[in-house]
Amino acid sequence: MKLGIIIYSSNAEVVWNVFRLANLSLKDKDEVKVFLLANGVEAEQLDSEKYQIVKLMNEFVSNNGLIYACGTCLKIRNSEGTELCPLSTMKDLYDIINESDKIISF
């Protein structure tokens, strides 16, 4: 299955659980792409001892998951893409939606 996940939350527990699900999906041999939108582009900054989000994000990418971060949303926050969350566009989001069997958003 091709799974598209859109994260627009900046709630650490939500983002942590999303990446737990995304990693499980990859282990089940699904193709998974995550698009960070709005507050979701703050995902890396939500990392803490309790919610080790960056560790889960790195695991996700290491297992061939793809993460995209809305460039406009990053610019609004005076931020840039990172190696883990490269700057992306609405076209990338559209392509994820168009090619995925299922889309879920958080």
PDB file of N, CA and C in Angstrom:
ATOM      1  N   MET A   1       0.847  -1.180   0.000  1.00  0.00           N
ATOM      2  CA  MET A   1       0.000   0.000   0.000  1.00  0.00           C
ATOM      3  C   MET A   1       0.892   1.243   0.000  1.00  0.00           C
ATOM      4  N   LYS A   2       0.429   2.258  -0.665  1.00  0.00           N
ATOM      5  CA  LYS A   2       1.093   3.559  -0.644  1.00  0.00           C
ATOM      6  C   LYS A   2       0.312   4.445   0.310  1.00  0.00           C
ATOM      7  N   LEU A   3       0.984   4.855   1.385  1.00  0.00           N
ATOM      8  CA  LEU A   3       0.347   5.641   2.433  1.00  0.00           C
ATOM      9  C   LEU A   3       0.917   7.047   2.449  1.00  0.00           C
ATOM     10  N   GLY A   4       0.043   8.033   2.397  1.00  0.00           N
ATOM     11  CA  GLY A   4       0.441   9.431   2.528  1.00  0.00           C
ATOM     12  C   GLY A   4      -0.029   9.948   3.872  1.00  0.00           C
ATOM     13  N   ILE A   5       0.870  10.563   4.617  1.00  0.00           N
ATOM     14  CA  ILE A   5       0.532  11.099   5.932  1.00  0.00           C
ATOM     15  C   ILE A   5       0.816  12.592   5.932  1.00  0.00           C
ATOM     16  N   ILE A   6      -0.169  13.359   6.344  1.00  0.00           N
ATOM     17  CA  ILE A   6      -0.024  14.807   6.451  1.00  0.00           C
ATOM     18  C   ILE A   6      -0.060  15.160   7.935  1.00  0.00           C
ATOM     19  N   ILE A   7       0.996  15.823   8.384  1.00  0.00           N
ATOM     20  CA  ILE A   7       1.063  16.260   9.784  1.00  0.00           C
ATOM     21  C   ILE A   7       0.956  17.776   9.801  1.00  0.00           C
ATOM     22  N   TYR A   8      -0.074  18.282  10.478  1.00  0.00           N
ATOM     23  CA  TYR A   8      -0.222  19.730  10.635  1.00  0.00           C
ATOM     24  C   TYR A   8      -0.238  20.126  12.105  1.00  0.00           C
ATOM     25  N   SER A   9      -0.016  19.162  12.976  1.00  0.00           N
ATOM     26  CA  SER A   9      -0.020  19.407  14.424  1.00  0.00           C
ATOM     27  C   SER A   9       1.383  19.704  14.931  1.00  0.00           C
ATOM     28  N   SER A  10       1.454  20.528  15.964  1.00  0.00           N
ATOM     29  CA  SER A  10       2.726  20.745  16.663  1.00  0.00           C
ATOM     30  C   SER A  10       2.639  20.184  18.083  1.00  0.00           C
ATOM     31  N   ASN A  11       1.713  19.253  18.283  1.00  0.00           N
ATOM     32  CA  ASN A  11       1.593  18.568  19.565  1.00  0.00           C
ATOM     33  C   ASN A  11       2.591  17.417  19.555  1.00  0.00           C
ATOM     34  N   ALA A  12       3.554  17.443  20.479  1.00  0.00           N
ATOM     35  CA  ALA A  12       4.636  16.462  20.492  1.00  0.00           C
ATOM     36  C   ALA A  12       4.131  15.026  20.555  1.00  0.00           C
ATOM     37  N   GLU A  13       3.140  14.776  21.383  1.00  0.00           N
ATOM     38  CA  GLU A  13       2.639  13.411  21.511  1.00  0.00           C
ATOM     39  C   GLU A  13       1.991  12.933  20.214  1.00  0.00           C
ATOM     40  N   VAL A  14       1.284  13.809  19.542  1.00  0.00           N
ATOM     41  CA  VAL A  14       0.659  13.449  18.267  1.00  0.00           C
ATOM     42  C   VAL A  14       1.732  13.126  17.228  1.00  0.00           C
ATOM     43  N   VAL A  15       2.712  13.995  17.080  1.00  0.00           N
ATOM     44  CA  VAL A  15       3.766  13.796  16.082  1.00  0.00           C
ATOM     45  C   VAL A  15       4.554  12.522  16.386  1.00  0.00           C
ATOM     46  N   TRP A  16       4.838  12.281  17.642  1.00  0.00           N
ATOM     47  CA  TRP A  16       5.540  11.071  18.067  1.00  0.00           C
ATOM     48  C   TRP A  16       4.753   9.827  17.648  1.00  0.00           C
ATOM     49  N   ASN A  17       3.452   9.827  17.902  1.00  0.00           N
ATOM     50  CA  ASN A  17       2.618   8.688  17.529  1.00  0.00           C
ATOM     51  C   ASN A  17       2.509   8.519  16.018  1.00  0.00           C
ATOM     52  N   VAL A  18       2.488   9.607  15.298  1.00  0.00           N
ATOM     53  CA  VAL A  18       2.444   9.518  13.833  1.00  0.00           C
ATOM     54  C   VAL A  18       3.680   8.804  13.316  1.00  0.00           C
ATOM     55  N   PHE A  19       4.852   9.161  13.818  1.00  0.00           N
ATOM     56  CA  PHE A  19       6.071   8.516  13.331  1.00  0.00           C
ATOM     57  C   PHE A  19       6.194   7.079  13.823  1.00  0.00           C
ATOM     58  N   ARG A  20       5.588   6.758  14.936  1.00  0.00           N
ATOM     59  CA  ARG A  20       5.516   5.355  15.363  1.00  0.00           C
ATOM     60  C   ARG A  20       4.698   4.568  14.340  1.00  0.00           C
ATOM     61  N   LEU A  21       3.552   5.115  13.941  1.00  0.00           N
ATOM     62  CA  LEU A  21       2.703   4.477  12.932  1.00  0.00           C
ATOM     63  C   LEU A  21       3.423   4.389  11.582  1.00  0.00           C
ATOM     64  N   ALA A  22       4.073   5.461  11.191  1.00  0.00           N
ATOM     65  CA  ALA A  22       4.781   5.478   9.909  1.00  0.00           C
ATOM     66  C   ALA A  22       5.872   4.408   9.879  1.00  0.00           C
ATOM     67  N   ASN A  23       6.607   4.248  10.967  1.00  0.00           N
ATOM     68  CA  ASN A  23       7.654   3.225  11.025  1.00  0.00           C
ATOM     69  C   ASN A  23       7.060   1.822  10.996  1.00  0.00           C
ATOM     70  N   LEU A  24       5.960   1.618  11.675  1.00  0.00           N
ATOM     71  CA  LEU A  24       5.285   0.321  11.637  1.00  0.00           C
ATOM     72  C   LEU A  24       4.825   0.006  10.214  1.00  0.00           C
ATOM     73  N   SER A  25       4.302   0.994   9.529  1.00  0.00           N
ATOM     74  CA  SER A  25       3.838   0.807   8.158  1.00  0.00           C
ATOM     75  C   SER A  25       4.982   0.405   7.236  1.00  0.00           C
ATOM     76  N   LEU A  26       6.142   1.036   7.417  1.00  0.00           N
ATOM     77  CA  LEU A  26       7.299   0.660   6.605  1.00  0.00           C
ATOM     78  C   LEU A  26       7.711  -0.782   6.880  1.00  0.00           C
ATOM     79  N   LYS A  27       7.665  -1.188   8.138  1.00  0.00           N
ATOM     80  CA  LYS A  27       8.029  -2.566   8.489  1.00  0.00           C
ATOM     81  C   LYS A  27       7.066  -3.561   7.856  1.00  0.00           C
ATOM     82  N   ASP A  28       5.832  -3.140   7.618  1.00  0.00           N
ATOM     83  CA  ASP A  28       4.845  -3.984   6.937  1.00  0.00           C
ATOM     84  C   ASP A  28       4.963  -3.888   5.420  1.00  0.00           C
ATOM     85  N   LYS A  29       6.053  -3.279   4.959  1.00  0.00           N
ATOM     86  CA  LYS A  29       6.376  -3.171   3.527  1.00  0.00           C
ATOM     87  C   LYS A  29       5.518  -2.174   2.767  1.00  0.00           C
ATOM     88  N   ASP A  30       4.889  -1.228   3.474  1.00  0.00           N
ATOM     89  CA  ASP A  30       4.163  -0.165   2.790  1.00  0.00           C
ATOM     90  C   ASP A  30       5.149   0.904   2.336  1.00  0.00           C
ATOM     91  N   GLU A  31       4.762   1.655   1.333  1.00  0.00           N
ATOM     92  CA  GLU A  31       5.514   2.833   0.911  1.00  0.00           C
ATOM     93  C   GLU A  31       4.870   4.017   1.621  1.00  0.00           C
ATOM     94  N   VAL A  32       5.663   4.778   2.385  1.00  0.00           N
ATOM     95  CA  VAL A  32       5.089   5.841   3.205  1.00  0.00           C
ATOM     96  C   VAL A  32       5.811   7.158   2.935  1.00  0.00           C
ATOM     97  N   LYS A  33       5.008   8.195   2.730  1.00  0.00           N
ATOM     98  CA  LYS A  33       5.523   9.556   2.585  1.00  0.00           C
ATOM     99  C   LYS A  33       4.799  10.443   3.591  1.00  0.00           C
ATOM    100  N   VAL A  34       5.571  11.298   4.254  1.00  0.00           N
ATOM    101  CA  VAL A  34       5.025  12.218   5.258  1.00  0.00           C
ATOM    102  C   VAL A  34       5.235  13.643   4.762  1.00  0.00           C
ATOM    103  N   PHE A  35       4.172  14.427   4.803  1.00  0.00           N
ATOM    104  CA  PHE A  35       4.261  15.843   4.442  1.00  0.00           C
ATOM    105  C   PHE A  35       3.954  16.666   5.685  1.00  0.00           C
ATOM    106  N   LEU A  36       4.898  17.534   6.068  1.00  0.00           N
ATOM    107  CA  LEU A  36       4.727  18.427   7.212  1.00  0.00           C
ATOM    108  C   LEU A  36       4.152  19.738   6.716  1.00  0.00           C
ATOM    109  N   LEU A  37       3.007  20.115   7.256  1.00  0.00           N
ATOM    110  CA  LEU A  37       2.267  21.289   6.808  1.00  0.00           C
ATOM    111  C   LEU A  37       1.911  22.151   8.011  1.00  0.00           C
ATOM    112  N   ALA A  38       1.852  23.459   7.822  1.00  0.00           N
ATOM    113  CA  ALA A  38       1.481  24.384   8.901  1.00  0.00           C
ATOM    114  C   ALA A  38       2.371  24.129  10.127  1.00  0.00           C
ATOM    115  N   ASN A  39       1.768  23.979  11.303  1.00  0.00           N
ATOM    116  CA  ASN A  39       2.552  23.756  12.524  1.00  0.00           C
ATOM    117  C   ASN A  39       3.373  22.479  12.476  1.00  0.00           C
ATOM    118  N   GLY A  40       3.020  21.562  11.594  1.00  0.00           N
ATOM    119  CA  GLY A  40       3.753  20.308  11.468  1.00  0.00           C
ATOM    120  C   GLY A  40       5.213  20.474  11.099  1.00  0.00           C
ATOM    121  N   VAL A  41       5.549  21.603  10.440  1.00  0.00           N
ATOM    122  CA  VAL A  41       6.951  21.825  10.070  1.00  0.00           C
ATOM    123  C   VAL A  41       7.844  22.028  11.293  1.00  0.00           C
ATOM    124  N   GLU A  42       7.244  22.160  12.469  1.00  0.00           N
ATOM    125  CA  GLU A  42       8.003  22.329  13.711  1.00  0.00           C
ATOM    126  C   GLU A  42       8.367  20.980  14.344  1.00  0.00           C
ATOM    127  N   ALA A  43       8.132  19.889  13.649  1.00  0.00           N
ATOM    128  CA  ALA A  43       8.294  18.536  14.206  1.00  0.00           C
ATOM    129  C   ALA A  43       9.650  18.312  14.867  1.00  0.00           C
ATOM    130  N   GLU A  44      10.730  18.693  14.213  1.00  0.00           N
ATOM    131  CA  GLU A  44      12.065  18.451  14.785  1.00  0.00           C
ATOM    132  C   GLU A  44      12.261  19.195  16.100  1.00  0.00           C
ATOM    133  N   GLN A  45      11.693  20.363  16.238  1.00  0.00           N
ATOM    134  CA  GLN A  45      11.858  21.163  17.452  1.00  0.00           C
ATOM    135  C   GLN A  45      11.042  20.610  18.624  1.00  0.00           C
ATOM    136  N   LEU A  46      10.164  19.669  18.375  1.00  0.00           N
ATOM    137  CA  LEU A  46       9.318  19.098  19.427  1.00  0.00           C
ATOM    138  C   LEU A  46      10.014  17.965  20.176  1.00  0.00           C
ATOM    139  N   ASP A  47      11.185  17.583  19.720  1.00  0.00           N
ATOM    140  CA  ASP A  47      11.923  16.474  20.300  1.00  0.00           C
ATOM    141  C   ASP A  47      12.209  16.720  21.785  1.00  0.00           C
ATOM    142  N   SER A  48      12.038  15.670  22.584  1.00  0.00           N
ATOM    143  CA  SER A  48      12.331  15.757  24.018  1.00  0.00           C
ATOM    144  C   SER A  48      12.715  14.365  24.511  1.00  0.00           C
ATOM    145  N   GLU A  49      13.102  14.287  25.751  1.00  0.00           N
ATOM    146  CA  GLU A  49      13.436  12.981  26.324  1.00  0.00           C
ATOM    147  C   GLU A  49      12.208  12.071  26.320  1.00  0.00           C
ATOM    148  N   LYS A  50      11.055  12.641  26.620  1.00  0.00           N
ATOM    149  CA  LYS A  50       9.812  11.868  26.665  1.00  0.00           C
ATOM    150  C   LYS A  50       9.348  11.463  25.268  1.00  0.00           C
ATOM    151  N   TYR A  51       9.409  12.381  24.329  1.00  0.00           N
ATOM    152  CA  TYR A  51       8.974  12.130  22.948  1.00  0.00           C
ATOM    153  C   TYR A  51      10.179  12.284  22.027  1.00  0.00           C
ATOM    154  N   GLN A  52      10.832  11.182  21.759  1.00  0.00           N
ATOM    155  CA  GLN A  52      12.054  11.202  20.954  1.00  0.00           C
ATOM    156  C   GLN A  52      11.692  11.176  19.467  1.00  0.00           C
ATOM    157  N   ILE A  53      11.185  12.297  19.033  1.00  0.00           N
ATOM    158  CA  ILE A  53      10.652  12.428  17.678  1.00  0.00           C
ATOM    159  C   ILE A  53      11.752  12.347  16.626  1.00  0.00           C
ATOM    160  N   VAL A  54      12.852  13.026  16.849  1.00  0.00           N
ATOM    161  CA  VAL A  54      13.925  13.028  15.850  1.00  0.00           C
ATOM    162  C   VAL A  54      14.470  11.613  15.651  1.00  0.00           C
ATOM    163  N   LYS A  55      14.578  10.854  16.718  1.00  0.00           N
ATOM    164  CA  LYS A  55      15.027   9.458  16.607  1.00  0.00           C
ATOM    165  C   LYS A  55      14.074   8.672  15.700  1.00  0.00           C
ATOM    166  N   LEU A  56      12.771   8.839  15.912  1.00  0.00           N
ATOM    167  CA  LEU A  56      11.783   8.149  15.083  1.00  0.00           C
ATOM    168  C   LEU A  56      11.814   8.640  13.638  1.00  0.00           C
ATOM    169  N   MET A  57      12.030   9.942  13.453  1.00  0.00           N
ATOM    170  CA  MET A  57      12.111  10.497  12.100  1.00  0.00           C
ATOM    171  C   MET A  57      13.333   9.938  11.372  1.00  0.00           C
ATOM    172  N   ASN A  58      14.463   9.855  12.060  1.00  0.00           N
ATOM    173  CA  ASN A  58      15.673   9.290  11.453  1.00  0.00           C
ATOM    174  C   ASN A  58      15.482   7.820  11.106  1.00  0.00           C
ATOM    175  N   GLU A  59      14.826   7.079  11.987  1.00  0.00           N
ATOM    176  CA  GLU A  59      14.524   5.673  11.716  1.00  0.00           C
ATOM    177  C   GLU A  59      13.642   5.565  10.471  1.00  0.00           C
ATOM    178  N   PHE A  60      12.655   6.429  10.382  1.00  0.00           N
ATOM    179  CA  PHE A  60      11.745   6.453   9.243  1.00  0.00           C
ATOM    180  C   PHE A  60      12.508   6.666   7.936  1.00  0.00           C
ATOM    181  N   VAL A  61      13.361   7.668   7.908  1.00  0.00           N
ATOM    182  CA  VAL A  61      14.135   7.977   6.696  1.00  0.00           C
ATOM    183  C   VAL A  61      15.132   6.853   6.391  1.00  0.00           C
ATOM    184  N   SER A  62      15.743   6.289   7.417  1.00  0.00           N
ATOM    185  CA  SER A  62      16.697   5.190   7.228  1.00  0.00           C
ATOM    186  C   SER A  62      16.036   3.960   6.614  1.00  0.00           C
ATOM    187  N   ASN A  63      14.746   3.817   6.829  1.00  0.00           N
ATOM    188  CA  ASN A  63      14.006   2.678   6.287  1.00  0.00           C
ATOM    189  C   ASN A  63      13.246   3.032   5.005  1.00  0.00           C
ATOM    190  N   ASN A  64      13.735   4.058   4.316  1.00  0.00           N
ATOM    191  CA  ASN A  64      13.216   4.478   3.005  1.00  0.00           C
ATOM    192  C   ASN A  64      11.900   5.243   3.056  1.00  0.00           C
ATOM    193  N   GLY A  65      11.527   5.763   4.215  1.00  0.00           N
ATOM    194  CA  GLY A  65      10.402   6.675   4.282  1.00  0.00           C
ATOM    195  C   GLY A  65      10.845   8.043   3.793  1.00  0.00           C
ATOM    196  N   LEU A  66       9.930   8.813   3.268  1.00  0.00           N
ATOM    197  CA  LEU A  66      10.257  10.150   2.762  1.00  0.00           C
ATOM    198  C   LEU A  66       9.487  11.202   3.540  1.00  0.00           C
ATOM    199  N   ILE A  67      10.194  12.269   3.924  1.00  0.00           N
ATOM    200  CA  ILE A  67       9.596  13.390   4.637  1.00  0.00           C
ATOM    201  C   ILE A  67       9.742  14.634   3.774  1.00  0.00           C
ATOM    202  N   TYR A  68       8.670  15.395   3.691  1.00  0.00           N
ATOM    203  CA  TYR A  68       8.653  16.671   2.973  1.00  0.00           C
ATOM    204  C   TYR A  68       8.173  17.737   3.945  1.00  0.00           C
ATOM    205  N   ALA A  69       8.698  18.938   3.824  1.00  0.00           N
ATOM    206  CA  ALA A  69       8.267  20.045   4.682  1.00  0.00           C
ATOM    207  C   ALA A  69       7.852  21.224   3.802  1.00  0.00           C
ATOM    208  N   CYS A  70       6.669  21.751   4.056  1.00  0.00           N
ATOM    209  CA  CYS A  70       6.131  22.874   3.283  1.00  0.00           C
ATOM    210  C   CYS A  70       7.072  24.078   3.350  1.00  0.00           C
ATOM    211  N   GLY A  71       7.592  24.469   2.213  1.00  0.00           N
ATOM    212  CA  GLY A  71       8.525  25.590   2.160  1.00  0.00           C
ATOM    213  C   GLY A  71       7.905  26.903   2.616  1.00  0.00           C
ATOM    214  N   THR A  72       6.682  27.162   2.203  1.00  0.00           N
ATOM    215  CA  THR A  72       6.003  28.392   2.608  1.00  0.00           C
ATOM    216  C   THR A  72       5.790  28.421   4.114  1.00  0.00           C
ATOM    217  N   CYS A  73       5.399  27.288   4.678  1.00  0.00           N
ATOM    218  CA  CYS A  73       5.168  27.199   6.127  1.00  0.00           C
ATOM    219  C   CYS A  73       6.472  27.414   6.892  1.00  0.00           C
ATOM    220  N   LEU A  74       7.564  26.907   6.350  1.00  0.00           N
ATOM    221  CA  LEU A  74       8.869  27.121   6.984  1.00  0.00           C
ATOM    222  C   LEU A  74       9.266  28.597   6.909  1.00  0.00           C
ATOM    223  N   LYS A  75       9.064  29.209   5.746  1.00  0.00           N
ATOM    224  CA  LYS A  75       9.432  30.621   5.579  1.00  0.00           C
ATOM    225  C   LYS A  75       8.642  31.527   6.519  1.00  0.00           C
ATOM    226  N   ILE A  76       7.367  31.220   6.731  1.00  0.00           N
ATOM    227  CA  ILE A  76       6.551  31.994   7.669  1.00  0.00           C
ATOM    228  C   ILE A  76       7.180  31.973   9.057  1.00  0.00           C
ATOM    229  N   ARG A  77       7.840  30.863   9.387  1.00  0.00           N
ATOM    230  CA  ARG A  77       8.471  30.686  10.699  1.00  0.00           C
ATOM    231  C   ARG A  77       9.951  31.078  10.677  1.00  0.00           C
ATOM    232  N   ASN A  78      10.388  31.763   9.609  1.00  0.00           N
ATOM    233  CA  ASN A  78      11.781  32.162   9.447  1.00  0.00           C
ATOM    234  C   ASN A  78      12.718  30.979   9.587  1.00  0.00           C
ATOM    235  N   SER A  79      12.339  29.885   8.959  1.00  0.00           N
ATOM    236  CA  SER A  79      13.109  28.656   9.028  1.00  0.00           C
ATOM    237  C   SER A  79      13.375  28.151   7.615  1.00  0.00           C
ATOM    238  N   GLU A  80      14.271  27.196   7.523  1.00  0.00           N
ATOM    239  CA  GLU A  80      14.594  26.585   6.241  1.00  0.00           C
ATOM    240  C   GLU A  80      14.456  25.078   6.387  1.00  0.00           C
ATOM    241  N   GLY A  81      14.438  24.383   5.302  1.00  0.00           N
ATOM    242  CA  GLY A  81      14.408  22.935   5.350  1.00  0.00           C
ATOM    243  C   GLY A  81      15.706  22.404   5.941  1.00  0.00           C
ATOM    244  N   THR A  82      15.669  21.159   6.359  1.00  0.00           N
ATOM    245  CA  THR A  82      16.860  20.495   6.883  1.00  0.00           C
ATOM    246  C   THR A  82      17.100  19.241   6.064  1.00  0.00           C
ATOM    247  N   GLU A  83      18.188  18.573   6.325  1.00  0.00           N
ATOM    248  CA  GLU A  83      18.460  17.319   5.626  1.00  0.00           C
ATOM    249  C   GLU A  83      17.359  16.302   5.922  1.00  0.00           C
ATOM    250  N   LEU A  84      16.879  16.307   7.144  1.00  0.00           N
ATOM    251  CA  LEU A  84      15.818  15.385   7.546  1.00  0.00           C
ATOM    252  C   LEU A  84      14.465  15.792   6.964  1.00  0.00           C
ATOM    253  N   CYS A  85      14.217  17.095   6.881  1.00  0.00           N
ATOM    254  CA  CYS A  85      12.941  17.624   6.381  1.00  0.00           C
ATOM    255  C   CYS A  85      13.210  18.632   5.266  1.00  0.00           C
ATOM    256  N   PRO A  86      13.439  18.152   4.054  1.00  0.00           N
ATOM    257  CA  PRO A  86      13.768  19.067   2.966  1.00  0.00           C
ATOM    258  C   PRO A  86      12.594  19.961   2.559  1.00  0.00           C
ATOM    259  N   LEU A  87      12.945  21.151   2.137  1.00  0.00           N
ATOM    260  CA  LEU A  87      11.980  22.141   1.669  1.00  0.00           C
ATOM    261  C   LEU A  87      11.194  21.575   0.487  1.00  0.00           C
ATOM    262  N   SER A  88       9.873  21.660   0.556  1.00  0.00           N
ATOM    263  CA  SER A  88       9.013  21.106  -0.478  1.00  0.00           C
ATOM    264  C   SER A  88       7.933  22.106  -0.867  1.00  0.00           C
ATOM    265  N   THR A  89       7.085  21.706  -1.796  1.00  0.00           N
ATOM    266  CA  THR A  89       6.069  22.604  -2.341  1.00  0.00           C
ATOM    267  C   THR A  89       4.686  21.963  -2.282  1.00  0.00           C
ATOM    268  N   MET A  90       3.680  22.755  -2.580  1.00  0.00           N
ATOM    269  CA  MET A  90       2.316  22.236  -2.677  1.00  0.00           C
ATOM    270  C   MET A  90       2.219  21.184  -3.783  1.00  0.00           C
ATOM    271  N   LYS A  91       3.038  21.300  -4.813  1.00  0.00           N
ATOM    272  CA  LYS A  91       3.061  20.295  -5.874  1.00  0.00           C
ATOM    273  C   LYS A  91       3.467  18.945  -5.299  1.00  0.00           C
ATOM    274  N   ASP A  92       4.440  18.934  -4.379  1.00  0.00           N
ATOM    275  CA  ASP A  92       4.845  17.679  -3.739  1.00  0.00           C
ATOM    276  C   ASP A  92       3.684  17.090  -2.942  1.00  0.00           C
ATOM    277  N   LEU A  93       2.966  17.940  -2.215  1.00  0.00           N
ATOM    278  CA  LEU A  93       1.806  17.478  -1.457  1.00  0.00           C
ATOM    279  C   LEU A  93       0.743  16.913  -2.411  1.00  0.00           C
ATOM    280  N   TYR A  94       0.487  17.620  -3.478  1.00  0.00           N
ATOM    281  CA  TYR A  94      -0.477  17.142  -4.478  1.00  0.00           C
ATOM    282  C   TYR A  94      -0.072  15.772  -5.016  1.00  0.00           C
ATOM    283  N   ASP A  95       1.203  15.614  -5.346  1.00  0.00           N
ATOM    284  CA  ASP A  95       1.686  14.335  -5.876  1.00  0.00           C
ATOM    285  C   ASP A  95       1.513  13.209  -4.865  1.00  0.00           C
ATOM    286  N   ILE A  96       1.790  13.487  -3.594  1.00  0.00           N
ATOM    287  CA  ILE A  96       1.595  12.474  -2.548  1.00  0.00           C
ATOM    288  C   ILE A  96       0.124  12.064  -2.494  1.00  0.00           C
ATOM    289  N   ILE A  97      -0.757  13.045  -2.495  1.00  0.00           N
ATOM    290  CA  ILE A  97      -2.190  12.756  -2.443  1.00  0.00           C
ATOM    291  C   ILE A  97      -2.619  11.959  -3.675  1.00  0.00           C
ATOM    292  N   ASN A  98      -2.146  12.362  -4.825  1.00  0.00           N
ATOM    293  CA  ASN A  98      -2.543  11.749  -6.086  1.00  0.00           C
ATOM    294  C   ASN A  98      -2.069  10.293  -6.208  1.00  0.00           C
ATOM    295  N   GLU A  99      -0.886   9.985  -5.705  1.00  0.00           N
ATOM    296  CA  GLU A  99      -0.330   8.650  -5.895  1.00  0.00           C
ATOM    297  C   GLU A  99      -0.616   7.679  -4.739  1.00  0.00           C
ATOM    298  N   SER A 100      -1.103   8.180  -3.622  1.00  0.00           N
ATOM    299  CA  SER A 100      -1.317   7.333  -2.450  1.00  0.00           C
ATOM    300  C   SER A 100      -2.631   6.553  -2.533  1.00  0.00           C
ATOM    301  N   ASP A 101      -2.594   5.354  -1.965  1.00  0.00           N
ATOM    302  CA  ASP A 101      -3.820   4.562  -1.840  1.00  0.00           C
ATOM    303  C   ASP A 101      -4.682   5.103  -0.703  1.00  0.00           C
ATOM    304  N   LYS A 102      -4.020   5.579   0.339  1.00  0.00           N
ATOM    305  CA  LYS A 102      -4.718   6.147   1.500  1.00  0.00           C
ATOM    306  C   LYS A 102      -3.956   7.372   1.988  1.00  0.00           C
ATOM    307  N   ILE A 103      -4.742   8.355   2.446  1.00  0.00           N
ATOM    308  CA  ILE A 103      -4.181   9.580   3.048  1.00  0.00           C
ATOM    309  C   ILE A 103      -4.756   9.704   4.437  1.00  0.00           C
ATOM    310  N   ILE A 104      -3.893   9.971   5.407  1.00  0.00           N
ATOM    311  CA  ILE A 104      -4.366  10.281   6.757  1.00  0.00           C
ATOM    312  C   ILE A 104      -3.696  11.575   7.198  1.00  0.00           C
ATOM    313  N   SER A 105      -4.377  12.313   8.032  1.00  0.00           N
ATOM    314  CA  SER A 105      -3.813  13.582   8.501  1.00  0.00           C
ATOM    315  C   SER A 105      -3.972  13.697  10.009  1.00  0.00           C
ATOM    316  N   PHE A 106      -3.011  14.380  10.588  1.00  0.00           N
ATOM    317  CA  PHE A 106      -2.966  14.565  12.048  1.00  0.00           C
ATOM    318  C   PHE A 106      -2.650  16.022  12.351  1.00  0.00           C
TER     319      PHE A 106
END
